[in-house]
């Protein structure tokens, strides 16, 4: 199997796994896997996650919720690996070790938009 196909398959299966997790649904949060980085030997995978909070809440509440969700996701790593074994165990040579990275791209884009909006209002 090609590396790009494995990355897409991992992304799809991890999304399926997250959709079944109650700790995610209880927070009314959409988790997006923005990127999957698979090592050349296929033994390690980095999943870049971003969170979109549904509903109102202050930025501080969202940050607190983000930390709690990220912690819960880290704790579910072993269950996710077992889920990967069940779904791709026969398709790949090695089930990779999983690392989660919080993707700040969406948050940075919001900050840039605010700065641009502020600057356009000043002129």
PDB file of N, CA and C in Angstrom:
ATOM      1  N   UNK A   1       0.843  -1.171   0.000  1.00  0.00           N
ATOM      2  CA  UNK A   1       0.000   0.000   0.000  1.00  0.00           C
ATOM      3  C   UNK A   1       0.894   1.242   0.000  1.00  0.00           C
ATOM      4  N   UNK A   2       0.517   2.237  -0.775  1.00  0.00           N
ATOM      5  CA  UNK A   2       1.310   3.468  -0.857  1.00  0.00           C
ATOM      6  C   UNK A   2       1.121   4.315   0.398  1.00  0.00           C
ATOM      7  N   UNK A   3       2.119   5.131   0.657  1.00  0.00           N
ATOM      8  CA  UNK A   3       2.115   5.976   1.852  1.00  0.00           C
ATOM      9  C   UNK A   3       0.902   6.902   1.876  1.00  0.00           C
ATOM     10  N   UNK A   4       0.569   7.521   0.758  1.00  0.00           N
ATOM     11  CA  UNK A   4      -0.578   8.441   0.724  1.00  0.00           C
ATOM     12  C   UNK A   4      -1.886   7.698   1.000  1.00  0.00           C
ATOM     13  N   UNK A   5      -2.008   6.488   0.504  1.00  0.00           N
ATOM     14  CA  UNK A   5      -3.217   5.699   0.755  1.00  0.00           C
ATOM     15  C   UNK A   5      -3.310   5.313   2.227  1.00  0.00           C
ATOM     16  N   UNK A   6      -2.179   4.979   2.841  1.00  0.00           N
ATOM     17  CA  UNK A   6      -2.166   4.639   4.270  1.00  0.00           C
ATOM     18  C   UNK A   6      -2.554   5.856   5.096  1.00  0.00           C
ATOM     19  N   UNK A   7      -2.005   7.029   4.754  1.00  0.00           N
ATOM     20  CA  UNK A   7      -2.341   8.256   5.482  1.00  0.00           C
ATOM     21  C   UNK A   7      -3.837   8.550   5.394  1.00  0.00           C
ATOM     22  N   UNK A   8      -4.406   8.428   4.203  1.00  0.00           N
ATOM     23  CA  UNK A   8      -5.842   8.681   4.039  1.00  0.00           C
ATOM     24  C   UNK A   8      -6.674   7.669   4.810  1.00  0.00           C
ATOM     25  N   UNK A   9      -6.260   6.419   4.803  1.00  0.00           N
ATOM     26  CA  UNK A   9      -6.974   5.378   5.528  1.00  0.00           C
ATOM     27  C   UNK A   9      -6.920   5.623   7.027  1.00  0.00           C
ATOM     28  N   UNK A  10      -5.753   5.994   7.538  1.00  0.00           N
ATOM     29  CA  UNK A  10      -5.606   6.299   8.962  1.00  0.00           C
ATOM     30  C   UNK A  10      -6.499   7.478   9.329  1.00  0.00           C
ATOM     31  N   UNK A  11      -6.498   8.500   8.501  1.00  0.00           N
ATOM     32  CA  UNK A  11      -7.326   9.690   8.771  1.00  0.00           C
ATOM     33  C   UNK A  11      -8.800   9.302   8.841  1.00  0.00           C
ATOM     34  N   UNK A  12      -9.254   8.506   7.906  1.00  0.00           N
ATOM     35  CA  UNK A  12     -10.653   8.084   7.872  1.00  0.00           C
ATOM     36  C   UNK A  12     -11.006   7.249   9.110  1.00  0.00           C
ATOM     37  N   UNK A  13     -10.148   6.325   9.482  1.00  0.00           N
ATOM     38  CA  UNK A  13     -10.431   5.451  10.619  1.00  0.00           C
ATOM     39  C   UNK A  13     -10.388   6.228  11.931  1.00  0.00           C
ATOM     40  N   UNK A  14      -9.453   7.152  12.066  1.00  0.00           N
ATOM     41  CA  UNK A  14      -9.388   7.969  13.280  1.00  0.00           C
ATOM     42  C   UNK A  14     -10.625   8.854  13.379  1.00  0.00           C
ATOM     43  N   UNK A  15     -11.085   9.408  12.255  1.00  0.00           N
ATOM     44  CA  UNK A  15     -12.333  10.182  12.274  1.00  0.00           C
ATOM     45  C   UNK A  15     -13.502   9.321  12.731  1.00  0.00           C
ATOM     46  N   UNK A  16     -13.568   8.098  12.231  1.00  0.00           N
ATOM     47  CA  UNK A  16     -14.620   7.176  12.666  1.00  0.00           C
ATOM     48  C   UNK A  16     -14.535   6.911  14.160  1.00  0.00           C
ATOM     49  N   UNK A  17     -13.319   6.703  14.650  1.00  0.00           N
ATOM     50  CA  UNK A  17     -13.105   6.449  16.072  1.00  0.00           C
ATOM     51  C   UNK A  17     -13.586   7.639  16.906  1.00  0.00           C
ATOM     52  N   UNK A  18     -13.182   8.846  16.495  1.00  0.00           N
ATOM     53  CA  UNK A  18     -13.589  10.035  17.238  1.00  0.00           C
ATOM     54  C   UNK A  18     -15.103  10.218  17.231  1.00  0.00           C
ATOM     55  N   UNK A  19     -15.752   9.874  16.140  1.00  0.00           N
ATOM     56  CA  UNK A  19     -17.204  10.052  16.060  1.00  0.00           C
ATOM     57  C   UNK A  19     -17.942   9.157  17.042  1.00  0.00           C
ATOM     58  N   UNK A  20     -17.287   8.109  17.534  1.00  0.00           N
ATOM     59  CA  UNK A  20     -17.911   7.181  18.476  1.00  0.00           C
ATOM     60  C   UNK A  20     -17.615   7.510  19.933  1.00  0.00           C
ATOM     61  N   UNK A  21     -16.769   8.487  20.181  1.00  0.00           N
ATOM     62  CA  UNK A  21     -16.335   8.785  21.545  1.00  0.00           C
ATOM     63  C   UNK A  21     -17.286   9.751  22.234  1.00  0.00           C
ATOM     64  N   UNK A  22     -17.836   9.331  23.372  1.00  0.00           N
ATOM     65  CA  UNK A  22     -18.809  10.166  24.084  1.00  0.00           C
ATOM     66  C   UNK A  22     -18.179  11.404  24.702  1.00  0.00           C
ATOM     67  N   UNK A  23     -16.907  11.334  25.101  1.00  0.00           N
ATOM     68  CA  UNK A  23     -16.295  12.514  25.712  1.00  0.00           C
ATOM     69  C   UNK A  23     -16.180  13.671  24.723  1.00  0.00           C
ATOM     70  N   UNK A  24     -16.211  13.366  23.452  1.00  0.00           N
ATOM     71  CA  UNK A  24     -16.180  14.411  22.431  1.00  0.00           C
ATOM     72  C   UNK A  24     -17.574  14.993  22.229  1.00  0.00           C
ATOM     73  N   UNK A  25     -18.570  14.135  22.132  1.00  0.00           N
ATOM     74  CA  UNK A  25     -19.941  14.601  21.913  1.00  0.00           C
ATOM     75  C   UNK A  25     -20.457  15.422  23.086  1.00  0.00           C
ATOM     76  N   UNK A  26     -20.029  15.084  24.299  1.00  0.00           N
ATOM     77  CA  UNK A  26     -20.504  15.806  25.472  1.00  0.00           C
ATOM     78  C   UNK A  26     -20.011  17.249  25.493  1.00  0.00           C
ATOM     79  N   UNK A  27     -18.954  17.541  24.749  1.00  0.00           N
ATOM     80  CA  UNK A  27     -18.400  18.897  24.714  1.00  0.00           C
ATOM     81  C   UNK A  27     -18.904  19.713  23.523  1.00  0.00           C
ATOM     82  N   UNK A  28     -19.757  19.142  22.707  1.00  0.00           N
ATOM     83  CA  UNK A  28     -20.277  19.810  21.511  1.00  0.00           C
ATOM     84  C   UNK A  28     -19.130  20.425  20.699  1.00  0.00           C
ATOM     85  N   UNK A  29     -18.226  19.549  20.304  1.00  0.00           N
ATOM     86  CA  UNK A  29     -17.024  19.971  19.607  1.00  0.00           C
ATOM     87  C   UNK A  29     -16.822  19.138  18.350  1.00  0.00           C
ATOM     88  N   UNK A  30     -16.410  19.799  17.318  1.00  0.00           N
ATOM     89  CA  UNK A  30     -16.046  19.117  16.093  1.00  0.00           C
ATOM     90  C   UNK A  30     -14.521  19.035  16.059  1.00  0.00           C
ATOM     91  N   UNK A  31     -14.020  17.815  15.911  1.00  0.00           N
ATOM     92  CA  UNK A  31     -12.576  17.615  15.829  1.00  0.00           C
ATOM     93  C   UNK A  31     -12.225  17.355  14.381  1.00  0.00           C
ATOM     94  N   UNK A  32     -11.249  18.100  13.897  1.00  0.00           N
ATOM     95  CA  UNK A  32     -10.786  17.944  12.531  1.00  0.00           C
ATOM     96  C   UNK A  32      -9.339  17.474  12.545  1.00  0.00           C
ATOM     97  N   UNK A  33      -9.058  16.494  11.727  1.00  0.00           N
ATOM     98  CA  UNK A  33      -7.672  16.072  11.536  1.00  0.00           C
ATOM     99  C   UNK A  33      -7.176  16.843  10.327  1.00  0.00           C
ATOM    100  N   UNK A  34      -6.375  17.858  10.595  1.00  0.00           N
ATOM    101  CA  UNK A  34      -5.947  18.739   9.518  1.00  0.00           C
ATOM    102  C   UNK A  34      -4.796  18.164   8.703  1.00  0.00           C
ATOM    103  N   UNK A  35      -4.005  17.288   9.321  1.00  0.00           N
ATOM    104  CA  UNK A  35      -2.884  16.703   8.601  1.00  0.00           C
ATOM    105  C   UNK A  35      -2.498  15.386   9.256  1.00  0.00           C
ATOM    106  N   UNK A  36      -1.996  14.483   8.442  1.00  0.00           N
ATOM    107  CA  UNK A  36      -1.463  13.204   8.911  1.00  0.00           C
ATOM    108  C   UNK A  36      -0.040  13.111   8.381  1.00  0.00           C
ATOM    109  N   UNK A  37       0.894  12.960   9.285  1.00  0.00           N
ATOM    110  CA  UNK A  37       2.305  12.863   8.900  1.00  0.00           C
ATOM    111  C   UNK A  37       2.808  11.477   9.278  1.00  0.00           C
ATOM    112  N   UNK A  38       3.052  10.643   8.287  1.00  0.00           N
ATOM    113  CA  UNK A  38       3.507   9.271   8.493  1.00  0.00           C
ATOM    114  C   UNK A  38       5.006   9.204   8.250  1.00  0.00           C
ATOM    115  N   UNK A  39       5.722   8.600   9.190  1.00  0.00           N
ATOM    116  CA  UNK A  39       7.174   8.479   9.031  1.00  0.00           C
ATOM    117  C   UNK A  39       7.491   7.583   7.828  1.00  0.00           C
ATOM    118  N   UNK A  40       8.685   7.735   7.259  1.00  0.00           N
ATOM    119  CA  UNK A  40       9.047   6.941   6.075  1.00  0.00           C
ATOM    120  C   UNK A  40       8.946   5.429   6.283  1.00  0.00           C
ATOM    121  N   UNK A  41       9.242   4.961   7.507  1.00  0.00           N
ATOM    122  CA  UNK A  41       9.161   3.521   7.756  1.00  0.00           C
ATOM    123  C   UNK A  41       7.763   3.075   8.189  1.00  0.00           C
ATOM    124  N   UNK A  42       6.836   4.033   8.355  1.00  0.00           N
ATOM    125  CA  UNK A  42       5.453   3.711   8.712  1.00  0.00           C
ATOM    126  C   UNK A  42       5.246   3.346  10.170  1.00  0.00           C
ATOM    127  N   UNK A  43       6.246   3.554  10.998  1.00  0.00           N
ATOM    128  CA  UNK A  43       6.138   3.165  12.408  1.00  0.00           C
ATOM    129  C   UNK A  43       5.584   4.266  13.309  1.00  0.00           C
ATOM    130  N   UNK A  44       5.574   5.498  12.831  1.00  0.00           N
ATOM    131  CA  UNK A  44       5.081   6.626  13.617  1.00  0.00           C
ATOM    132  C   UNK A  44       4.149   7.475  12.769  1.00  0.00           C
ATOM    133  N   UNK A  45       3.089   7.946  13.398  1.00  0.00           N
ATOM    134  CA  UNK A  45       2.175   8.853  12.711  1.00  0.00           C
ATOM    135  C   UNK A  45       1.864  10.021  13.642  1.00  0.00           C
ATOM    136  N   UNK A  46       1.904  11.223  13.075  1.00  0.00           N
ATOM    137  CA  UNK A  46       1.512  12.431  13.803  1.00  0.00           C
ATOM    138  C   UNK A  46       0.177  12.886  13.240  1.00  0.00           C
ATOM    139  N   UNK A  47      -0.783  13.044  14.128  1.00  0.00           N
ATOM    140  CA  UNK A  47      -2.106  13.519  13.738  1.00  0.00           C
ATOM    141  C   UNK A  47      -2.271  14.940  14.247  1.00  0.00           C
ATOM    142  N   UNK A  48      -2.470  15.870  13.341  1.00  0.00           N
ATOM    143  CA  UNK A  48      -2.646  17.271  13.691  1.00  0.00           C
ATOM    144  C   UNK A  48      -4.138  17.523  13.870  1.00  0.00           C
ATOM    145  N   UNK A  49      -4.527  17.918  15.074  1.00  0.00           N
ATOM    146  CA  UNK A  49      -5.940  18.091  15.420  1.00  0.00           C
ATOM    147  C   UNK A  49      -6.278  19.559  15.596  1.00  0.00           C
ATOM    148  N   UNK A  50      -7.467  19.910  15.154  1.00  0.00           N
ATOM    149  CA  UNK A  50      -8.006  21.237  15.462  1.00  0.00           C
ATOM    150  C   UNK A  50      -9.435  21.049  15.959  1.00  0.00           C
ATOM    151  N   UNK A  51      -9.869  21.960  16.796  1.00  0.00           N
ATOM    152  CA  UNK A  51     -11.178  21.873  17.434  1.00  0.00           C
ATOM    153  C   UNK A  51     -12.045  23.048  17.007  1.00  0.00           C
ATOM    154  N   UNK A  52     -13.300  22.751  16.738  1.00  0.00           N
ATOM    155  CA  UNK A  52     -14.282  23.784  16.463  1.00  0.00           C
ATOM    156  C   UNK A  52     -15.397  23.611  17.481  1.00  0.00           C
ATOM    157  N   UNK A  53     -15.601  24.628  18.286  1.00  0.00           N
ATOM    158  CA  UNK A  53     -16.583  24.549  19.359  1.00  0.00           C
ATOM    159  C   UNK A  53     -17.939  25.019  18.857  1.00  0.00           C
ATOM    160  N   UNK A  54     -18.930  24.171  19.058  1.00  0.00           N
ATOM    161  CA  UNK A  54     -20.289  24.466  18.632  1.00  0.00           C
ATOM    162  C   UNK A  54     -21.015  25.078  19.822  1.00  0.00           C
ATOM    163  N   UNK A  55     -21.596  26.218  19.614  1.00  0.00           N
ATOM    164  CA  UNK A  55     -22.282  26.883  20.711  1.00  0.00           C
ATOM    165  C   UNK A  55     -21.453  28.034  21.237  1.00  0.00           C
ATOM    166  N   UNK A  56     -22.049  28.739  22.117  1.00  0.00           N
ATOM    167  CA  UNK A  56     -21.412  29.928  22.674  1.00  0.00           C
ATOM    168  C   UNK A  56     -20.492  29.554  23.820  1.00  0.00           C
ATOM    169  N   UNK A  57     -19.578  30.425  24.089  1.00  0.00           N
ATOM    170  CA  UNK A  57     -18.649  30.247  25.194  1.00  0.00           C
ATOM    171  C   UNK A  57     -17.519  31.240  25.054  1.00  0.00           C
ATOM    172  N   UNK A  58     -16.999  31.647  26.184  1.00  0.00           N
ATOM    173  CA  UNK A  58     -15.891  32.592  26.143  1.00  0.00           C
ATOM    174  C   UNK A  58     -14.639  31.877  25.645  1.00  0.00           C
ATOM    175  N   UNK A  59     -13.679  32.646  25.236  1.00  0.00           N
ATOM    176  CA  UNK A  59     -12.420  32.086  24.732  1.00  0.00           C
ATOM    177  C   UNK A  59     -11.729  31.274  25.825  1.00  0.00           C
ATOM    178  N   UNK A  60     -11.837  31.747  27.084  1.00  0.00           N
ATOM    179  CA  UNK A  60     -11.228  31.028  28.198  1.00  0.00           C
ATOM    180  C   UNK A  60     -11.892  29.665  28.399  1.00  0.00           C
ATOM    181  N   UNK A  61     -13.229  29.628  28.287  1.00  0.00           N
ATOM    182  CA  UNK A  61     -13.950  28.360  28.418  1.00  0.00           C
ATOM    183  C   UNK A  61     -13.568  27.404  27.291  1.00  0.00           C
ATOM    184  N   UNK A  62     -13.423  27.942  26.097  1.00  0.00           N
ATOM    185  CA  UNK A  62     -13.036  27.105  24.961  1.00  0.00           C
ATOM    186  C   UNK A  62     -11.627  26.550  25.141  1.00  0.00           C
ATOM    187  N   UNK A  63     -10.715  27.368  25.643  1.00  0.00           N
ATOM    188  CA  UNK A  63      -9.343  26.908  25.885  1.00  0.00           C
ATOM    189  C   UNK A  63      -9.327  25.804  26.946  1.00  0.00           C
ATOM    190  N   UNK A  64     -10.120  25.979  27.991  1.00  0.00           N
ATOM    191  CA  UNK A  64     -10.209  24.969  29.047  1.00  0.00           C
ATOM    192  C   UNK A  64     -10.770  23.670  28.479  1.00  0.00           C
ATOM    193  N   UNK A  65     -11.801  23.776  27.681  1.00  0.00           N
ATOM    194  CA  UNK A  65     -12.417  22.618  27.048  1.00  0.00           C
ATOM    195  C   UNK A  65     -11.436  21.950  26.085  1.00  0.00           C
ATOM    196  N   UNK A  66     -10.692  22.749  25.355  1.00  0.00           N
ATOM    197  CA  UNK A  66      -9.696  22.227  24.415  1.00  0.00           C
ATOM    198  C   UNK A  66      -8.642  21.398  25.140  1.00  0.00           C
ATOM    199  N   UNK A  67      -8.159  21.907  26.269  1.00  0.00           N
ATOM    200  CA  UNK A  67      -7.156  21.178  27.048  1.00  0.00           C
ATOM    201  C   UNK A  67      -7.725  19.866  27.579  1.00  0.00           C
ATOM    202  N   UNK A  68      -8.961  19.913  28.061  1.00  0.00           N
ATOM    203  CA  UNK A  68      -9.604  18.717  28.589  1.00  0.00           C
ATOM    204  C   UNK A  68      -9.810  17.670  27.489  1.00  0.00           C
ATOM    205  N   UNK A  69     -10.277  18.120  26.333  1.00  0.00           N
ATOM    206  CA  UNK A  69     -10.465  17.203  25.214  1.00  0.00           C
ATOM    207  C   UNK A  69      -9.146  16.597  24.756  1.00  0.00           C
ATOM    208  N   UNK A  70      -8.139  17.418  24.641  1.00  0.00           N
ATOM    209  CA  UNK A  70      -6.838  16.933  24.200  1.00  0.00           C
ATOM    210  C   UNK A  70      -6.298  15.894  25.180  1.00  0.00           C
ATOM    211  N   UNK A  71      -6.492  16.147  26.460  1.00  0.00           N
ATOM    212  CA  UNK A  71      -6.072  15.196  27.486  1.00  0.00           C
ATOM    213  C   UNK A  71      -6.829  13.872  27.344  1.00  0.00           C
ATOM    214  N   UNK A  72      -8.140  13.955  27.133  1.00  0.00           N
ATOM    215  CA  UNK A  72      -8.946  12.743  26.946  1.00  0.00           C
ATOM    216  C   UNK A  72      -8.530  11.980  25.690  1.00  0.00           C
ATOM    217  N   UNK A  73      -8.210  12.709  24.647  1.00  0.00           N
ATOM    218  CA  UNK A  73      -7.755  12.071  23.410  1.00  0.00           C
ATOM    219  C   UNK A  73      -6.428  11.353  23.652  1.00  0.00           C
ATOM    220  N   UNK A  74      -5.525  12.003  24.366  1.00  0.00           N
ATOM    221  CA  UNK A  74      -4.248  11.362  24.706  1.00  0.00           C
ATOM    222  C   UNK A  74      -4.485  10.087  25.509  1.00  0.00           C
ATOM    223  N   UNK A  75      -5.440  10.127  26.443  1.00  0.00           N
ATOM    224  CA  UNK A  75      -5.731   8.948  27.261  1.00  0.00           C
ATOM    225  C   UNK A  75      -6.354   7.815  26.448  1.00  0.00           C
ATOM    226  N   UNK A  76      -6.995   8.151  25.343  1.00  0.00           N
ATOM    227  CA  UNK A  76      -7.645   7.133  24.523  1.00  0.00           C
ATOM    228  C   UNK A  76      -6.727   6.578  23.434  1.00  0.00           C
ATOM    229  N   UNK A  77      -5.463   6.933  23.487  1.00  0.00           N
ATOM    230  CA  UNK A  77      -4.501   6.522  22.455  1.00  0.00           C
ATOM    231  C   UNK A  77      -4.437   4.998  22.299  1.00  0.00           C
ATOM    232  N   UNK A  78      -4.431   4.273  23.422  1.00  0.00           N
ATOM    233  CA  UNK A  78      -4.340   2.816  23.360  1.00  0.00           C
ATOM    234  C   UNK A  78      -5.588   2.221  22.702  1.00  0.00           C
ATOM    235  N   UNK A  79      -6.756   2.754  23.057  1.00  0.00           N
ATOM    236  CA  UNK A  79      -7.994   2.285  22.430  1.00  0.00           C
ATOM    237  C   UNK A  79      -7.989   2.572  20.927  1.00  0.00           C
ATOM    238  N   UNK A  80      -7.473   3.719  20.557  1.00  0.00           N
ATOM    239  CA  UNK A  80      -7.379   4.068  19.137  1.00  0.00           C
ATOM    240  C   UNK A  80      -6.448   3.108  18.402  1.00  0.00           C
ATOM    241  N   UNK A  81      -5.346   2.766  19.024  1.00  0.00           N
ATOM    242  CA  UNK A  81      -4.420   1.838  18.375  1.00  0.00           C
ATOM    243  C   UNK A  81      -5.096   0.472  18.177  1.00  0.00           C
ATOM    244  N   UNK A  82      -5.842   0.009  19.175  1.00  0.00           N
ATOM    245  CA  UNK A  82      -6.574  -1.255  19.026  1.00  0.00           C
ATOM    246  C   UNK A  82      -7.601  -1.153  17.899  1.00  0.00           C
ATOM    247  N   UNK A  83      -8.250   0.006  17.801  1.00  0.00           N
ATOM    248  CA  UNK A  83      -9.228   0.244  16.737  1.00  0.00           C
ATOM    249  C   UNK A  83      -8.552   0.200  15.369  1.00  0.00           C
ATOM    250  N   UNK A  84      -7.372   0.787  15.280  1.00  0.00           N
ATOM    251  CA  UNK A  84      -6.606   0.735  14.030  1.00  0.00           C
ATOM    252  C   UNK A  84      -6.242  -0.700  13.668  1.00  0.00           C
ATOM    253  N   UNK A  85      -5.827  -1.487  14.665  1.00  0.00           N
ATOM    254  CA  UNK A  85      -5.477  -2.888  14.411  1.00  0.00           C
ATOM    255  C   UNK A  85      -6.681  -3.628  13.822  1.00  0.00           C
ATOM    256  N   UNK A  86      -7.859  -3.395  14.389  1.00  0.00           N
ATOM    257  CA  UNK A  86      -9.069  -4.067  13.908  1.00  0.00           C
ATOM    258  C   UNK A  86      -9.408  -3.692  12.472  1.00  0.00           C
ATOM    259  N   UNK A  87      -9.129  -2.446  12.094  1.00  0.00           N
ATOM    260  CA  UNK A  87      -9.586  -1.955  10.794  1.00  0.00           C
ATOM    261  C   UNK A  87      -8.538  -1.950   9.685  1.00  0.00           C
ATOM    262  N   UNK A  88      -7.264  -1.861  10.050  1.00  0.00           N
ATOM    263  CA  UNK A  88      -6.239  -1.861   8.992  1.00  0.00           C
ATOM    264  C   UNK A  88      -5.122  -2.860   9.251  1.00  0.00           C
ATOM    265  N   UNK A  89      -5.286  -3.673  10.280  1.00  0.00           N
ATOM    266  CA  UNK A  89      -4.235  -4.606  10.669  1.00  0.00           C
ATOM    267  C   UNK A  89      -3.762  -5.505   9.549  1.00  0.00           C
ATOM    268  N   UNK A  90      -4.654  -5.886   8.653  1.00  0.00           N
ATOM    269  CA  UNK A  90      -4.278  -6.791   7.561  1.00  0.00           C
ATOM    270  C   UNK A  90      -3.867  -6.035   6.298  1.00  0.00           C
ATOM    271  N   UNK A  91      -4.011  -4.716   6.317  1.00  0.00           N
ATOM    272  CA  UNK A  91      -3.697  -3.922   5.127  1.00  0.00           C
ATOM    273  C   UNK A  91      -2.316  -3.277   5.174  1.00  0.00           C
ATOM    274  N   UNK A  92      -1.774  -3.137   6.377  1.00  0.00           N
ATOM    275  CA  UNK A  92      -0.466  -2.502   6.519  1.00  0.00           C
ATOM    276  C   UNK A  92       0.494  -3.445   7.232  1.00  0.00           C
ATOM    277  N   UNK A  93       1.758  -3.198   7.017  1.00  0.00           N
ATOM    278  CA  UNK A  93       2.800  -4.036   7.618  1.00  0.00           C
ATOM    279  C   UNK A  93       2.912  -3.776   9.118  1.00  0.00           C
ATOM    280  N   UNK A  94       2.838  -2.499   9.517  1.00  0.00           N
ATOM    281  CA  UNK A  94       3.026  -2.104  10.908  1.00  0.00           C
ATOM    282  C   UNK A  94       1.924  -1.118  11.292  1.00  0.00           C
ATOM    283  N   UNK A  95       1.368  -1.282  12.488  1.00  0.00           N
ATOM    284  CA  UNK A  95       0.437  -0.279  13.024  1.00  0.00           C
ATOM    285  C   UNK A  95       1.303   0.796  13.687  1.00  0.00           C
ATOM    286  N   UNK A  96       1.206   2.031  13.215  1.00  0.00           N
ATOM    287  CA  UNK A  96       2.122   3.068  13.722  1.00  0.00           C
ATOM    288  C   UNK A  96       1.790   3.522  15.145  1.00  0.00           C
ATOM    289  N   UNK A  97       2.822   3.987  15.835  1.00  0.00           N
ATOM    290  CA  UNK A  97       2.629   4.663  17.113  1.00  0.00           C
ATOM    291  C   UNK A  97       2.042   6.031  16.815  1.00  0.00           C
ATOM    292  N   UNK A  98       1.121   6.468  17.650  1.00  0.00           N
ATOM    293  CA  UNK A  98       0.347   7.683  17.390  1.00  0.00           C
ATOM    294  C   UNK A  98       0.822   8.824  18.275  1.00  0.00           C
ATOM    295  N   UNK A  99       0.992   9.982  17.653  1.00  0.00           N
ATOM    296  CA  UNK A  99       1.254  11.228  18.383  1.00  0.00           C
ATOM    297  C   UNK A  99       0.208  12.240  17.946  1.00  0.00           C
ATOM    298  N   UNK A 100      -0.312  12.967  18.898  1.00  0.00           N
ATOM    299  CA  UNK A 100      -1.283  14.019  18.591  1.00  0.00           C
ATOM    300  C   UNK A 100      -0.609  15.367  18.746  1.00  0.00           C
ATOM    301  N   UNK A 101      -0.885  16.246  17.800  1.00  0.00           N
ATOM    302  CA  UNK A 101      -0.353  17.605  17.848  1.00  0.00           C
ATOM    303  C   UNK A 101      -1.524  18.550  17.650  1.00  0.00           C
ATOM    304  N   UNK A 102      -1.608  19.536  18.525  1.00  0.00           N
ATOM    305  CA  UNK A 102      -2.670  20.532  18.418  1.00  0.00           C
ATOM    306  C   UNK A 102      -2.317  21.508  17.310  1.00  0.00           C
ATOM    307  N   UNK A 103      -3.135  21.533  16.280  1.00  0.00           N
ATOM    308  CA  UNK A 103      -2.896  22.398  15.129  1.00  0.00           C
ATOM    309  C   UNK A 103      -3.444  23.792  15.436  1.00  0.00           C
ATOM    310  N   UNK A 104      -2.579  24.764  15.427  1.00  0.00           N
ATOM    311  CA  UNK A 104      -2.958  26.136  15.764  1.00  0.00           C
ATOM    312  C   UNK A 104      -3.312  26.961  14.534  1.00  0.00           C
ATOM    313  N   UNK A 105      -3.343  26.344  13.360  1.00  0.00           N
ATOM    314  CA  UNK A 105      -3.548  27.100  12.123  1.00  0.00           C
ATOM    315  C   UNK A 105      -4.878  27.852  12.121  1.00  0.00           C
ATOM    316  N   UNK A 106      -5.960  27.191  12.507  1.00  0.00           N
ATOM    317  CA  UNK A 106      -7.274  27.838  12.491  1.00  0.00           C
ATOM    318  C   UNK A 106      -7.299  29.022  13.461  1.00  0.00           C
ATOM    319  N   UNK A 107      -6.726  28.817  14.628  1.00  0.00           N
ATOM    320  CA  UNK A 107      -6.686  29.904  15.617  1.00  0.00           C
ATOM    321  C   UNK A 107      -5.839  31.064  15.109  1.00  0.00           C
ATOM    322  N   UNK A 108      -4.729  30.758  14.471  1.00  0.00           N
ATOM    323  CA  UNK A 108      -3.871  31.812  13.921  1.00  0.00           C
ATOM    324  C   UNK A 108      -4.587  32.578  12.808  1.00  0.00           C
ATOM    325  N   UNK A 109      -5.372  31.871  11.997  1.00  0.00           N
ATOM    326  CA  UNK A 109      -6.123  32.543  10.930  1.00  0.00           C
ATOM    327  C   UNK A 109      -7.153  33.506  11.521  1.00  0.00           C
ATOM    328  N   UNK A 110      -7.800  33.110  12.605  1.00  0.00           N
ATOM    329  CA  UNK A 110      -8.772  33.982  13.266  1.00  0.00           C
ATOM    330  C   UNK A 110      -8.074  35.230  13.799  1.00  0.00           C
ATOM    331  N   UNK A 111      -6.907  35.055  14.408  1.00  0.00           N
ATOM    332  CA  UNK A 111      -6.149  36.196  14.928  1.00  0.00           C
ATOM    333  C   UNK A 111      -5.766  37.152  13.800  1.00  0.00           C
ATOM    334  N   UNK A 112      -5.317  36.609  12.680  1.00  0.00           N
ATOM    335  CA  UNK A 112      -4.932  37.441  11.543  1.00  0.00           C
ATOM    336  C   UNK A 112      -6.142  38.191  11.000  1.00  0.00           C
ATOM    337  N   UNK A 113      -7.283  37.504  10.889  1.00  0.00           N
ATOM    338  CA  UNK A 113      -8.511  38.162  10.429  1.00  0.00           C
ATOM    339  C   UNK A 113      -8.895  39.318  11.337  1.00  0.00           C
ATOM    340  N   UNK A 114      -8.782  39.116  12.657  1.00  0.00           N
ATOM    341  CA  UNK A 114      -9.107  40.183  13.604  1.00  0.00           C
ATOM    342  C   UNK A 114      -8.184  41.384  13.432  1.00  0.00           C
ATOM    343  N   UNK A 115      -6.898  41.101  13.242  1.00  0.00           N
ATOM    344  CA  UNK A 115      -5.932  42.185  13.056  1.00  0.00           C
ATOM    345  C   UNK A 115      -6.228  42.940  11.770  1.00  0.00           C
ATOM    346  N   UNK A 116      -6.493  42.202  10.692  1.00  0.00           N
ATOM    347  CA  UNK A 116      -6.807  42.850   9.414  1.00  0.00           C
ATOM    348  C   UNK A 116      -8.090  43.669   9.505  1.00  0.00           C
ATOM    349  N   UNK A 117      -9.084  43.113  10.195  1.00  0.00           N
ATOM    350  CA  UNK A 117     -10.351  43.832  10.361  1.00  0.00           C
ATOM    351  C   UNK A 117     -10.144  45.102  11.179  1.00  0.00           C
ATOM    352  N   UNK A 118      -9.350  45.001  12.230  1.00  0.00           N
ATOM    353  CA  UNK A 118      -9.069  46.156  13.069  1.00  0.00           C
ATOM    354  C   UNK A 118      -8.340  47.231  12.266  1.00  0.00           C
ATOM    355  N   UNK A 119      -7.373  46.818  11.461  1.00  0.00           N
ATOM    356  CA  UNK A 119      -6.618  47.775  10.658  1.00  0.00           C
ATOM    357  C   UNK A 119      -7.502  48.415   9.575  1.00  0.00           C
ATOM    358  N   UNK A 120      -8.409  47.657   8.980  1.00  0.00           N
ATOM    359  CA  UNK A 120      -9.282  48.214   7.939  1.00  0.00           C
ATOM    360  C   UNK A 120     -10.290  49.179   8.542  1.00  0.00           C
ATOM    361  N   UNK A 121     -10.685  48.963   9.796  1.00  0.00           N
ATOM    362  CA  UNK A 121     -11.611  49.882  10.458  1.00  0.00           C
ATOM    363  C   UNK A 121     -10.939  51.185  10.851  1.00  0.00           C
ATOM    364  N   UNK A 122      -9.617  51.169  11.028  1.00  0.00           N
ATOM    365  CA  UNK A 122      -8.890  52.364  11.400  1.00  0.00           C
ATOM    366  C   UNK A 122      -8.630  53.287  10.215  1.00  0.00           C
ATOM    367  N   UNK A 123      -8.749  52.760   9.018  1.00  0.00           N
ATOM    368  CA  UNK A 123      -8.464  53.608   7.841  1.00  0.00           C
ATOM    369  C   UNK A 123      -9.712  54.156   7.242  1.00  0.00           C
TER     370      UNK A 123
END
